Amino acid sequence: MRKFNLCIFLFCLWSGLASAQTEPVQLSDSAIVSLLTCTPANEVYSLYGHTAIRIYDPAIRFDVVFNYGMFDFSAPNFIYRFARGET
């Protein structure tokens, strides 16, 4: 569980840094796109794990993770809306 929480924290941190980027980036031919996946956990929202996309380009020193699938756990009827795919 701690590894999952650490993954989520790092994804959020990296996502925040990525959103600070204001100018478009021209990637080089050495750019690598990766899919990062955390293993499933016991909470309803993490039964299937969590995934983010990483874009790494050593030629221009660009390394960003794009996190998606964030939601507000305290929102009304969260579990019901999550089960319906509305979060």
Protein backbone atom coordinates (compact mmCIF):
# COMPACT_ATOMS: atom_id res chain seq x y z
CA MET A 1 0.00 0.00 0.00
CA ARG A 2 2.84 2.39 0.77
CA LYS A 3 4.35 1.82 -2.66
CA PHE A 4 1.01 2.67 -4.27
CA ASN A 5 0.69 5.87 -2.24
CA LEU A 6 4.27 6.79 -3.15
CA CYS A 7 3.51 6.24 -6.85
CA ILE A 8 0.42 8.45 -6.64
CA PHE A 9 2.40 11.16 -4.83
CA LEU A 10 5.17 11.09 -7.44
CA PHE A 11 2.68 11.17 -10.31
CA CYS A 12 0.97 14.20 -8.79
CA LEU A 13 4.29 15.93 -8.21
CA TRP A 14 5.49 15.27 -11.75
CA SER A 15 2.13 16.28 -13.19
CA GLY A 16 2.31 19.58 -11.34
CA LEU A 17 5.76 20.23 -12.75
CA ALA A 18 4.57 19.35 -16.24
CA SER A 19 1.71 21.83 -16.03
CA ALA A 20 4.25 24.60 -15.31
CA GLN A 21 5.62 24.11 -18.85
CA THR A 22 4.29 26.98 -20.96
CA GLU A 23 6.07 26.66 -24.30
CA PRO A 24 5.60 23.78 -26.76
CA VAL A 25 8.47 21.32 -26.77
CA GLN A 26 9.95 19.91 -29.99
CA LEU A 27 11.01 16.33 -29.22
CA SER A 28 14.06 14.81 -30.86
CA ASP A 29 14.30 11.41 -32.56
CA SER A 30 15.65 9.93 -29.31
CA ALA A 31 12.44 10.63 -27.35
CA ILE A 32 10.91 7.66 -25.52
CA VAL A 33 7.26 7.36 -24.47
CA SER A 34 6.54 4.97 -21.59
CA LEU A 35 3.46 3.73 -19.79
CA LEU A 36 3.91 3.70 -16.00
CA THR A 37 1.58 1.44 -14.05
CA CYS A 38 1.09 0.98 -10.30
CA THR A 39 -0.23 -2.32 -9.06
CA PRO A 40 -3.81 -2.64 -7.83
CA ALA A 41 -4.66 -2.00 -4.18
CA ASN A 42 -7.65 -2.65 -1.93
CA GLU A 43 -9.45 0.69 -2.18
CA VAL A 44 -12.37 0.88 -4.62
CA TYR A 45 -10.66 3.53 -6.76
CA SER A 46 -7.44 1.52 -7.02
CA LEU A 47 -8.75 -2.00 -7.69
CA TYR A 48 -7.30 -1.89 -11.21
CA GLY A 49 -4.14 0.05 -10.42
CA HIS A 50 -3.17 3.42 -11.81
CA THR A 51 -1.40 4.48 -14.99
CA ALA A 52 0.49 7.53 -16.23
CA ILE A 53 2.39 8.39 -19.41
CA ARG A 54 6.07 9.39 -19.33
CA ILE A 55 7.83 11.27 -22.11
CA TYR A 56 11.61 11.23 -21.84
CA ASP A 57 13.96 12.90 -24.29
CA PRO A 58 17.62 12.84 -23.19
CA ALA A 59 18.71 14.98 -26.15
CA ILE A 60 16.81 18.03 -24.87
CA ARG A 61 16.81 17.02 -21.16
CA PHE A 62 13.02 16.64 -21.10
CA ASP A 63 11.45 14.19 -18.65
CA VAL A 64 7.74 14.60 -17.84
CA VAL A 65 5.01 12.32 -16.49
CA PHE A 66 1.39 13.03 -17.41
CA ASN A 67 -0.98 11.75 -14.77
CA TYR A 68 -4.66 11.31 -15.41
CA GLY A 69 -7.59 9.77 -13.60
CA MET A 70 -7.57 12.08 -10.60
CA PHE A 71 -10.82 12.71 -8.75
CA ASP A 72 -12.20 14.10 -5.52
CA PHE A 73 -12.74 11.34 -2.96
CA SER A 74 -14.97 13.61 -0.86
CA ALA A 75 -17.39 14.34 -3.71
CA PRO A 76 -21.01 13.31 -3.03
CA ASN A 77 -21.82 9.73 -4.05
CA PHE A 78 -18.20 9.09 -5.06
CA ILE A 79 -18.34 5.27 -5.08
CA TYR A 80 -21.63 5.21 -7.00
CA ARG A 81 -20.32 7.70 -9.58
CA PHE A 82 -17.00 5.84 -9.78
CA ALA A 83 -18.82 2.55 -10.48
CA ARG A 84 -20.81 4.25 -13.26
CA GLY A 85 -17.62 5.66 -14.79
CA GLU A 86 -18.57 9.28 -14.08
CA THR A 87 -15.53 10.37 -12.06
